[in-house]
N, C-alpha and C. Protein backbone atom coordinates (compact mmCIF):
# COMPACT_ATOMS: atom_id res chain seq x y z
N MET A 1 -18.43 0.33 21.40
CA MET A 1 -17.29 0.77 21.23
C MET A 1 -16.57 -0.59 19.52
N SER A 2 -16.47 0.46 18.92
CA SER A 2 -16.04 -0.36 17.73
C SER A 2 -14.47 -1.28 18.26
N HIS A 3 -14.25 -1.61 17.46
CA HIS A 3 -12.80 -2.30 17.21
C HIS A 3 -12.55 -2.87 16.15
N ASN A 4 -11.39 -2.74 15.38
CA ASN A 4 -10.54 -3.00 14.42
C ASN A 4 -9.50 -4.67 14.65
N LEU A 5 -9.68 -5.33 13.42
CA LEU A 5 -8.69 -5.72 13.11
C LEU A 5 -8.54 -5.93 11.58
N VAL A 6 -6.71 -5.69 11.21
CA VAL A 6 -6.06 -6.08 9.97
C VAL A 6 -6.10 -7.44 10.09
N VAL A 7 -6.57 -7.84 8.84
CA VAL A 7 -6.81 -9.42 7.89
C VAL A 7 -5.06 -9.64 6.79
N THR A 8 -4.47 -10.17 7.01
CA THR A 8 -3.82 -10.18 5.56
C THR A 8 -4.35 -11.94 4.82
N ALA A 9 -3.95 -11.88 4.21
CA ALA A 9 -4.17 -13.62 3.26
C ALA A 9 -3.32 -13.11 2.14
N MET A 10 -3.18 -14.71 1.85
CA MET A 10 -2.11 -14.92 0.49
C MET A 10 -2.36 -16.19 0.31
N GLY A 11 -2.48 -16.33 -0.56
CA GLY A 11 -2.33 -18.18 -1.53
C GLY A 11 -3.46 -17.79 -3.09
N VAL A 12 -2.71 -18.87 -3.67
CA VAL A 12 -3.03 -19.15 -5.22
C VAL A 12 -4.05 -18.62 -5.36
N ASP A 13 -3.76 -17.39 -6.70
CA ASP A 13 -4.64 -16.86 -6.94
C ASP A 13 -6.12 -17.63 -7.85
N ARG A 14 -7.18 -17.58 -7.38
CA ARG A 14 -8.57 -18.51 -8.32
C ARG A 14 -9.87 -17.58 -7.55
N PRO A 15 -10.57 -18.02 -8.07
CA PRO A 15 -11.76 -16.84 -8.38
C PRO A 15 -13.08 -17.38 -7.11
N GLY A 16 -13.66 -16.68 -6.25
CA GLY A 16 -13.95 -16.51 -5.02
C GLY A 16 -13.01 -16.06 -3.81
N ILE A 17 -12.45 -16.13 -4.01
CA ILE A 17 -11.65 -16.12 -2.28
C ILE A 17 -12.05 -14.77 -1.63
N VAL A 18 -12.28 -13.61 -2.22
CA VAL A 18 -12.50 -11.72 -2.01
C VAL A 18 -14.22 -12.52 -1.70
N SER A 19 -15.47 -13.34 -2.61
CA SER A 19 -16.11 -13.23 -1.68
C SER A 19 -16.65 -14.02 -0.89
N THR A 20 -16.10 -14.86 -0.54
CA THR A 20 -15.63 -16.16 0.81
C THR A 20 -15.58 -14.97 2.12
N LEU A 21 -14.31 -14.25 2.10
CA LEU A 21 -13.93 -13.83 2.88
C LEU A 21 -15.00 -12.24 2.69
N ALA A 22 -15.52 -12.01 2.50
CA ALA A 22 -16.34 -11.03 2.61
C ALA A 22 -17.47 -11.64 3.60
N ARG A 23 -18.29 -12.87 2.90
CA ARG A 23 -19.17 -13.29 3.06
C ARG A 23 -18.99 -13.56 4.85
N LEU A 24 -17.67 -14.21 5.67
CA LEU A 24 -17.28 -14.61 6.81
C LEU A 24 -17.41 -13.71 7.65
N ALA A 25 -16.45 -11.68 7.01
CA ALA A 25 -16.98 -10.95 7.33
C ALA A 25 -18.57 -10.61 7.64
N THR A 26 -19.71 -10.50 6.92
CA THR A 26 -20.78 -10.48 6.85
C THR A 26 -21.26 -11.19 8.18
N GLU A 27 -21.04 -12.73 8.18
CA GLU A 27 -21.36 -13.56 8.92
C GLU A 27 -21.19 -13.03 10.44
N CYS A 28 -19.95 -12.41 10.35
CA CYS A 28 -19.21 -12.57 11.83
C CYS A 28 -19.26 -11.17 12.09
N ASP A 29 -20.73 -10.33 11.50
CA ASP A 29 -20.94 -9.38 11.61
C ASP A 29 -19.85 -7.92 12.03
N CYS A 30 -19.11 -8.04 10.96
CA CYS A 30 -17.82 -6.78 10.48
C CYS A 30 -18.03 -6.30 9.74
N ASP A 31 -17.55 -4.93 9.52
CA ASP A 31 -17.93 -4.33 8.62
C ASP A 31 -16.68 -4.15 7.62
N ILE A 32 -16.09 -4.31 6.35
CA ILE A 32 -15.13 -3.59 5.69
C ILE A 32 -14.60 -2.56 5.55
N VAL A 33 -13.69 -1.79 6.03
CA VAL A 33 -13.74 -0.43 5.77
C VAL A 33 -12.71 -0.02 5.40
N ASP A 34 -11.42 -0.65 5.16
CA ASP A 34 -10.97 -0.71 3.99
C ASP A 34 -10.34 -1.82 3.35
N SER A 35 -9.50 -1.85 2.09
CA SER A 35 -9.26 -3.53 1.54
C SER A 35 -7.57 -2.34 0.45
N ARG A 36 -6.99 -3.97 0.36
CA ARG A 36 -6.19 -3.06 -0.63
C ARG A 36 -5.92 -5.01 -1.37
N MET A 37 -5.98 -5.66 -2.74
CA MET A 37 -6.40 -6.54 -3.08
C MET A 37 -5.01 -6.82 -4.54
N ALA A 38 -4.04 -7.62 -4.28
CA ALA A 38 -3.45 -7.42 -5.51
C ALA A 38 -2.45 -9.04 -5.72
N ILE A 39 -1.81 -9.37 -7.09
CA ILE A 39 -1.50 -10.40 -7.59
C ILE A 39 -0.64 -9.94 -8.16
N PHE A 40 0.50 -10.77 -7.31
CA PHE A 40 2.12 -11.19 -7.88
C PHE A 40 2.30 -12.18 -7.76
N GLY A 41 2.79 -12.49 -9.20
CA GLY A 41 2.94 -13.98 -9.82
C GLY A 41 2.01 -14.64 -9.72
N ASN A 42 1.44 -15.96 -9.88
CA ASN A 42 0.23 -16.70 -9.17
C ASN A 42 -0.67 -16.21 -8.13
N GLU A 43 0.15 -15.28 -6.39
CA GLU A 43 -0.60 -15.50 -5.78
C GLU A 43 -1.29 -14.61 -5.30
N PHE A 44 -2.46 -14.69 -5.27
CA PHE A 44 -3.41 -13.71 -4.63
C PHE A 44 -3.29 -13.10 -3.24
N THR A 45 -2.97 -11.65 -2.59
CA THR A 45 -3.26 -11.26 -2.24
C THR A 45 -3.71 -10.36 -1.36
N LEU A 46 -4.29 -10.19 -0.40
CA LEU A 46 -5.64 -9.31 0.60
C LEU A 46 -4.32 -8.76 1.85
N ILE A 47 -5.69 -7.21 1.81
CA ILE A 47 -5.63 -6.67 3.37
C ILE A 47 -6.80 -6.33 3.35
N LEU A 48 -7.40 -6.09 4.15
CA LEU A 48 -8.59 -5.98 5.14
C LEU A 48 -8.68 -5.59 5.43
N MET A 49 -9.02 -4.51 6.50
CA MET A 49 -9.33 -3.81 7.29
C MET A 49 -10.32 -3.77 8.22
N LEU A 50 -10.88 -4.43 8.99
CA LEU A 50 -12.64 -5.22 10.17
C LEU A 50 -13.00 -3.86 10.74
N SER A 51 -13.84 -3.54 11.07
CA SER A 51 -14.25 -3.10 12.43
C SER A 51 -15.40 -3.93 12.69
N GLY A 52 -15.97 -4.14 14.04
CA GLY A 52 -17.45 -4.52 15.05
C GLY A 52 -17.00 -4.59 16.36
N SER A 53 -17.57 -4.91 16.68
CA SER A 53 -17.73 -4.88 18.47
C SER A 53 -16.93 -5.94 18.88
N TRP A 54 -16.67 -6.01 19.88
CA TRP A 54 -15.37 -6.83 20.56
C TRP A 54 -15.42 -8.46 20.55
N ALA A 55 -16.98 -8.88 20.78
CA ALA A 55 -17.17 -9.92 20.47
C ALA A 55 -17.51 -10.35 18.64
N ALA A 56 -17.44 -9.48 18.01
CA ALA A 56 -17.35 -9.65 16.58
C ALA A 56 -16.36 -9.96 15.75
N ILE A 57 -15.60 -9.29 16.53
CA ILE A 57 -14.19 -9.65 16.31
C ILE A 57 -13.21 -10.30 16.57
N THR A 58 -13.94 -10.89 17.97
CA THR A 58 -13.00 -12.33 18.60
C THR A 58 -13.60 -13.80 17.85
N LYS A 59 -15.16 -13.44 17.44
CA LYS A 59 -15.92 -14.20 16.16
C LYS A 59 -14.61 -14.61 15.15
N ILE A 60 -14.18 -13.66 14.67
CA ILE A 60 -14.06 -13.48 12.83
C ILE A 60 -12.44 -13.99 13.36
N GLU A 61 -11.82 -13.39 14.02
CA GLU A 61 -10.96 -14.88 14.67
C GLU A 61 -11.09 -15.81 15.25
N ASN A 62 -11.65 -16.08 15.48
CA ASN A 62 -11.77 -17.85 15.95
C ASN A 62 -12.22 -18.51 14.52
N ASN A 63 -12.70 -17.66 13.56
CA ASN A 63 -13.36 -18.51 12.63
C ASN A 63 -12.38 -18.56 11.69
N LEU A 64 -11.72 -17.50 11.05
CA LEU A 64 -10.82 -17.06 10.33
C LEU A 64 -9.74 -18.41 10.24
N PRO A 65 -9.29 -19.29 11.00
CA PRO A 65 -7.95 -19.99 10.71
C PRO A 65 -8.65 -20.98 10.38
N ALA A 66 -9.78 -21.77 10.20
CA ALA A 66 -11.08 -22.74 9.50
C ALA A 66 -10.83 -22.67 8.02
N LEU A 67 -10.97 -21.41 8.26
CA LEU A 67 -11.45 -21.05 6.58
C LEU A 67 -10.41 -20.96 5.75
N SER A 68 -9.27 -20.56 6.80
CA SER A 68 -8.08 -20.40 6.18
C SER A 68 -6.80 -21.67 4.84
N VAL A 69 -7.27 -22.89 6.38
CA VAL A 69 -7.10 -23.96 5.74
C VAL A 69 -8.12 -24.27 4.69
N GLU A 70 -9.50 -24.10 4.78
CA GLU A 70 -10.13 -24.50 3.22
C GLU A 70 -9.80 -24.04 2.25
N LEU A 71 -9.38 -22.78 1.66
CA LEU A 71 -9.14 -21.73 1.18
C LEU A 71 -7.50 -22.04 0.88
N GLU A 72 -6.36 -22.76 1.13
CA GLU A 72 -5.28 -23.42 1.23
C GLU A 72 -4.59 -21.51 1.27
N LEU A 73 -5.29 -20.66 2.41
CA LEU A 73 -4.77 -19.22 2.47
C LEU A 73 -3.77 -19.34 3.83
N LEU A 74 -2.64 -18.34 3.88
CA LEU A 74 -1.65 -17.53 4.56
C LEU A 74 -2.67 -16.66 5.46
N THR A 75 -2.92 -16.55 6.56
CA THR A 75 -3.85 -15.29 7.01
C THR A 75 -2.60 -14.94 7.97
N ILE A 76 -2.43 -14.04 8.38
CA ILE A 76 -1.90 -12.96 9.98
C ILE A 76 -3.50 -11.97 9.43
N MET A 77 -3.55 -11.98 11.59
CA MET A 77 -4.91 -10.78 12.25
C MET A 77 -3.62 -10.51 12.48
N LYS A 78 -4.38 -9.08 13.26
CA LYS A 78 -3.42 -8.50 14.58
C LYS A 78 -4.88 -6.84 14.44
N ARG A 79 -4.71 -6.88 16.01
CA ARG A 79 -6.08 -6.25 16.27
C ARG A 79 -5.37 -4.47 16.01
N THR A 80 -6.01 -3.47 15.76
CA THR A 80 -5.28 -2.24 15.74
C THR A 80 -6.13 -1.26 16.49
N SER A 81 -6.15 -0.26 15.86
CA SER A 81 -6.58 0.95 16.55
C SER A 81 -7.30 1.94 15.20
N THR A 82 -8.32 2.62 15.52
CA THR A 82 -8.57 3.65 14.27
C THR A 82 -7.32 4.78 13.56
N HIS A 83 -7.07 4.97 12.55
CA HIS A 83 -6.09 5.92 11.99
C HIS A 83 -6.11 6.45 12.42
N THR A 84 -5.82 7.50 12.89
CA THR A 84 -5.59 8.82 12.82
C THR A 84 -4.62 9.66 11.91
N PRO A 85 -5.63 10.50 11.01
CA PRO A 85 -4.66 11.32 9.91
C PRO A 85 -3.67 12.68 10.73
N GLN A 86 -2.60 12.61 9.93
CA GLN A 86 -1.21 13.36 10.10
C GLN A 86 -1.94 14.69 8.96
N ASN A 87 -1.71 15.63 9.69
CA ASN A 87 -2.23 17.45 8.86
C ASN A 87 -0.89 17.55 8.12
N TYR A 88 -1.17 17.26 6.67
CA TYR A 88 -0.83 17.58 6.46
C TYR A 88 -1.13 18.81 5.06
N VAL A 89 -0.44 19.55 4.68
CA VAL A 89 -0.44 20.81 3.37
C VAL A 89 -1.07 20.18 2.16
N SER A 90 -0.31 19.29 1.58
CA SER A 90 -0.67 18.53 0.03
C SER A 90 -0.34 16.98 0.37
N ARG A 91 -0.17 16.62 -0.87
CA ARG A 91 0.45 15.18 -1.33
C ARG A 91 1.23 15.87 -2.95
N VAL A 92 2.62 14.98 -2.80
CA VAL A 92 3.65 14.99 -4.28
C VAL A 92 3.08 13.46 -4.39
N GLU A 93 2.52 13.51 -6.09
CA GLU A 93 2.95 11.99 -6.79
C GLU A 93 3.96 12.17 -6.87
N VAL A 94 4.50 11.01 -7.47
CA VAL A 94 5.91 10.77 -7.97
C VAL A 94 5.80 9.31 -9.06
N VAL A 95 6.75 9.30 -10.30
CA VAL A 95 6.94 8.35 -11.54
C VAL A 95 7.50 8.48 -11.36
N PHE A 96 8.76 7.05 -11.61
CA PHE A 96 10.10 7.27 -12.06
C PHE A 96 9.86 5.85 -12.71
N LYS A 97 11.07 6.28 -14.03
CA LYS A 97 10.77 4.72 -15.42
C LYS A 97 12.41 4.78 -15.70
N GLY A 98 11.84 4.10 -16.18
CA GLY A 98 13.80 4.04 -16.46
C GLY A 98 14.37 2.56 -16.31
N LEU A 99 15.33 2.17 -16.65
CA LEU A 99 16.05 1.17 -17.16
C LEU A 99 16.11 0.59 -15.76
N ASP A 100 15.89 -0.64 -15.55
CA ASP A 100 15.41 -1.61 -14.28
C ASP A 100 16.77 -2.06 -13.55
N LYS A 101 17.08 -1.83 -12.24
CA LYS A 101 18.53 -1.67 -11.41
C LYS A 101 17.69 -2.06 -10.32
N ARG A 102 19.20 -3.16 -9.90
CA ARG A 102 18.61 -3.34 -8.09
C ARG A 102 19.37 -2.44 -7.20
N GLY A 103 18.10 -2.07 -6.42
CA GLY A 103 18.75 -1.70 -5.33
C GLY A 103 18.32 -0.14 -5.83
N THR A 104 16.84 0.02 -6.35
CA THR A 104 16.43 1.13 -6.98
C THR A 104 15.54 1.91 -5.92
N ILE A 105 14.36 1.01 -5.58
CA ILE A 105 13.58 0.98 -4.71
C ILE A 105 14.10 1.43 -3.51
N ASN A 106 15.57 0.83 -2.73
CA ASN A 106 16.33 0.74 -1.83
C ASN A 106 16.19 2.60 -1.59
N LYS A 107 17.14 2.87 -2.85
CA LYS A 107 17.23 4.41 -2.79
C LYS A 107 16.55 5.36 -2.38
N ILE A 108 15.28 5.31 -3.16
CA ILE A 108 14.89 6.19 -3.16
C ILE A 108 13.59 6.38 -1.79
N THR A 109 13.59 5.37 -1.30
CA THR A 109 12.27 5.10 -0.04
C THR A 109 13.73 5.70 0.83
N SER A 110 14.76 5.24 0.98
CA SER A 110 16.32 5.93 1.40
C SER A 110 15.70 7.93 1.44
N PHE A 111 16.36 7.74 0.56
CA PHE A 111 16.01 9.51 0.16
C PHE A 111 15.02 10.24 0.94
N LEU A 112 13.78 9.09 1.24
CA LEU A 112 12.21 10.30 1.61
C LEU A 112 12.40 10.11 3.48
N ALA A 113 13.05 8.94 3.60
CA ALA A 113 13.20 8.62 5.09
C ALA A 113 13.83 9.59 5.25
N GLN A 114 15.64 10.13 4.82
CA GLN A 114 16.04 10.87 5.21
C GLN A 114 15.55 12.48 5.40
N ARG A 115 14.59 12.54 4.97
CA ARG A 115 14.33 14.14 4.81
C ARG A 115 12.61 14.22 5.39
N SER A 116 12.24 13.07 6.52
CA SER A 116 11.53 12.60 7.04
C SER A 116 10.00 12.72 6.37
N LEU A 117 9.80 12.19 5.01
CA LEU A 117 8.47 12.39 4.55
C LEU A 117 7.54 10.95 4.41
N ASP A 118 6.37 11.74 4.42
CA ASP A 118 5.21 10.39 4.57
C ASP A 118 4.69 9.58 3.68
N LEU A 119 5.56 8.28 3.58
CA LEU A 119 5.41 7.54 2.42
C LEU A 119 3.98 7.49 2.14
N ALA A 120 3.01 7.96 1.45
CA ALA A 120 1.40 7.29 1.47
C ALA A 120 1.50 6.06 0.86
N ALA A 121 2.06 5.96 -0.27
CA ALA A 121 1.76 4.66 -1.75
C ALA A 121 2.27 4.66 -1.97
N VAL A 122 3.08 3.44 -2.45
CA VAL A 122 4.25 2.87 -3.54
C VAL A 122 3.53 1.81 -4.51
N ARG A 123 3.59 1.49 -5.64
CA ARG A 123 3.15 1.00 -6.74
C ARG A 123 4.72 0.77 -7.51
N SER A 124 4.76 -0.61 -7.75
CA SER A 124 6.43 -0.69 -8.54
C SER A 124 5.30 -1.87 -9.27
N HIS A 125 6.16 -1.32 -10.69
CA HIS A 125 6.15 -2.87 -11.60
C HIS A 125 7.64 -2.69 -12.54
N SER A 126 8.19 -3.87 -13.07
CA SER A 126 9.53 -4.54 -14.02
C SER A 126 9.22 -4.86 -14.75
N GLY A 127 9.44 -5.14 -16.36
CA GLY A 127 9.23 -5.77 -17.00
C GLY A 127 10.42 -5.27 -18.48
N LEU A 128 9.89 -5.49 -19.15
CA LEU A 128 10.70 -6.07 -20.15
C LEU A 128 9.76 -4.64 -21.48
N ASP A 129 10.90 -3.55 -22.12
CA ASP A 129 10.90 -2.26 -22.32
C ASP A 129 10.19 -3.18 -24.11
N GLU A 130 9.56 -1.99 -25.48
CA GLU A 130 9.99 -2.42 -26.40
C GLU A 130 11.28 -3.05 -26.98
N ASN A 131 12.57 -2.61 -26.38
CA ASN A 131 13.86 -3.44 -27.24
C ASN A 131 13.88 -4.11 -25.65
N GLN A 132 12.83 -4.70 -25.58
CA GLN A 132 13.69 -6.05 -24.82
C GLN A 132 14.26 -5.24 -24.01
N GLN A 133 14.13 -4.33 -22.65
CA GLN A 133 15.26 -3.83 -22.36
C GLN A 133 14.76 -3.91 -20.51
N PRO A 134 15.23 -4.33 -19.62
CA PRO A 134 14.43 -4.14 -18.26
C PRO A 134 14.48 -3.02 -18.13
N PHE A 135 12.81 -2.91 -17.52
CA PHE A 135 11.88 -1.18 -17.71
C PHE A 135 11.30 -1.47 -15.86
N GLN A 136 11.84 -0.73 -15.58
CA GLN A 136 11.41 0.10 -13.86
C GLN A 136 9.99 1.14 -13.89
N ARG A 137 8.85 0.75 -13.33
CA ARG A 137 7.63 2.14 -13.20
C ARG A 137 7.90 1.90 -11.99
N ILE A 138 8.13 3.48 -11.01
CA ILE A 138 7.45 3.51 -9.87
C ILE A 138 6.74 4.65 -9.55
N PHE A 139 5.47 4.00 -9.06
CA PHE A 139 4.94 5.55 -8.62
C PHE A 139 4.99 5.22 -7.19
N LEU A 140 5.02 7.01 -6.51
CA LEU A 140 4.83 6.71 -5.03
C LEU A 140 3.91 8.23 -4.54
N ALA A 141 3.34 8.48 -3.54
CA ALA A 141 2.61 8.66 -3.24
C ALA A 141 3.55 9.73 -2.02
N ILE A 142 3.82 10.71 -1.24
CA ILE A 142 4.65 11.06 -0.57
C ILE A 142 3.21 12.39 0.03
N ASN A 143 2.98 12.78 0.90
CA ASN A 143 2.60 13.22 1.95
C ASN A 143 3.20 14.21 2.87
N VAL A 144 2.78 15.71 2.28
CA VAL A 144 4.47 16.42 2.78
C VAL A 144 3.84 17.64 3.41
N PRO A 145 4.85 17.84 5.16
CA PRO A 145 3.81 18.74 6.05
C PRO A 145 4.73 19.84 5.79
N ASP A 146 3.54 20.69 6.25
CA ASP A 146 4.00 22.01 6.01
C ASP A 146 5.13 22.91 6.26
N MET A 147 6.19 22.33 6.29
CA MET A 147 8.03 22.78 6.82
C MET A 147 8.95 22.75 5.72
N VAL A 148 7.96 21.89 4.73
CA VAL A 148 8.67 21.85 2.92
C VAL A 148 8.81 22.38 2.31
N ASP A 149 9.23 23.19 1.92
CA ASP A 149 8.96 23.37 0.47
C ASP A 149 9.14 22.58 -0.77
N LEU A 150 7.77 23.48 -1.52
CA LEU A 150 7.77 22.38 -2.39
C LEU A 150 8.03 22.09 -3.51
N ASP A 151 8.80 23.42 -4.31
CA ASP A 151 9.84 23.22 -5.34
C ASP A 151 10.99 23.15 -4.83
N SER A 152 11.38 23.44 -4.13
CA SER A 152 13.02 22.55 -3.26
C SER A 152 12.64 20.69 -3.52
N LEU A 153 11.87 20.07 -3.19
CA LEU A 153 11.28 19.04 -2.93
C LEU A 153 11.09 18.64 -4.49
N GLU A 154 10.98 19.28 -5.47
CA GLU A 154 11.17 19.18 -6.72
C GLU A 154 12.08 18.60 -7.49
N ASN A 155 12.63 20.04 -6.63
CA ASN A 155 14.07 19.95 -7.36
C ASN A 155 15.24 18.68 -7.01
N THR A 156 14.88 18.79 -5.73
CA THR A 156 15.44 17.60 -5.17
C THR A 156 15.18 16.07 -5.44
N ILE A 157 13.79 15.84 -5.74
CA ILE A 157 13.16 14.50 -6.43
C ILE A 157 13.74 14.64 -8.15
N ASN A 158 14.02 15.59 -9.16
CA ASN A 158 14.56 15.74 -9.64
C ASN A 158 16.32 15.23 -10.03
N GLU A 159 16.27 16.03 -9.34
CA GLU A 159 18.13 15.56 -8.92
C GLU A 159 18.60 13.74 -8.62
N LEU A 160 17.36 13.47 -7.73
CA LEU A 160 17.76 11.82 -6.98
C LEU A 160 17.44 11.47 -8.46
N ALA A 161 16.35 11.06 -9.24
CA ALA A 161 16.22 10.65 -10.73
C ALA A 161 16.78 10.89 -11.76
N ALA A 162 17.63 11.90 -12.11
CA ALA A 162 18.89 12.07 -12.57
C ALA A 162 20.09 11.04 -12.22
N GLU A 163 20.33 11.26 -10.76
CA GLU A 163 21.66 10.68 -10.38
C GLU A 163 21.42 8.99 -10.79
N LEU A 164 19.59 8.76 -10.42
CA LEU A 164 19.51 6.99 -10.70
C LEU A 164 19.53 7.43 -12.27
N GLU A 165 19.43 7.88 -13.43
CA GLU A 165 19.07 7.87 -14.37
C GLU A 165 17.83 7.00 -15.03
N LEU A 166 17.14 7.73 -14.32
CA LEU A 166 15.61 7.26 -14.23
C LEU A 166 14.41 8.75 -14.98
N THR A 167 13.94 8.89 -15.66
CA THR A 167 13.05 10.08 -15.54
C THR A 167 11.40 10.65 -14.55
N SER A 168 11.40 11.47 -13.74
CA SER A 168 10.81 11.17 -12.95
C SER A 168 9.61 12.28 -13.54
N THR A 169 8.34 12.17 -13.26
CA THR A 169 6.88 12.85 -13.33
C THR A 169 6.09 13.47 -11.98
N ILE A 170 7.00 14.80 -12.03
CA ILE A 170 6.18 14.78 -10.02
C ILE A 170 4.91 15.47 -10.88
N LYS A 171 3.51 15.35 -10.07
CA LYS A 171 2.56 16.55 -9.49
C LYS A 171 2.35 16.47 -8.53
N ARG A 172 1.86 17.49 -8.21
CA ARG A 172 1.29 18.25 -7.26
C ARG A 172 -0.34 18.13 -6.91
N MET A 173 -0.86 17.71 -5.56
CA MET A 173 -1.90 17.61 -5.37
C MET A 173 -2.50 18.11 -5.06
N GLN A 174 -3.92 18.83 -4.64
CA GLN A 174 -4.58 19.49 -4.16
C GLN A 174 -4.52 19.60 -2.72
N SER A 175 -3.94 21.05 -2.19
CA SER A 175 -3.95 21.38 -0.50
C SER A 175 -5.48 20.29 -0.01
N MET A 176 -4.65 19.69 1.43
CA MET A 176 -5.97 19.51 2.38
C MET A 176 -5.71 19.69 3.72
N THR A 177 -6.29 19.09 4.65
CA THR A 177 -5.34 19.80 5.82
C THR A 177 -5.67 18.32 6.59
N THR A 178 -6.04 17.31 6.31
CA THR A 178 -5.84 16.15 6.33
C THR A 178 -6.20 14.89 5.48
N LEU A 179 -5.76 13.82 5.66
CA LEU A 179 -5.34 12.60 4.28
C LEU A 179 -6.70 11.33 5.04
């Protein structure tokens, strides 16, 4: 039986961190089944989903703390189960762009939560535009259940964008039975 462990690591960005963590996973006889990496400021952040036998997961749980100290990483580990995909009929990808204002992501995610929509991914970036004005770009991937009318959803997303003084681009992804 396969067991799963989610590992989050964060520290100052420098070459070789991913390689060292991947080597530890291999040495502990674990597979990396999913991963995400990002740089925030000067900080490196990595999330790994590892899979292995009970003994392999226990081994990495025992060895990671010492490696974390050596690499000056903050790490968190949590055992988990395999993800069971939900049955969604489609996915909508939305990009909001406009003047950067505090609370925008809160308003957008509240909008989605009120409609019980599944947020599959969020990426946001803020900076200065060509006129040196604060600018933001927010990407969302939204899993849509069959009971939601896509035309109506698009209309309400566009209304939200207008209310927030943002532009919105909506792309319907191919219908799917599971993600």
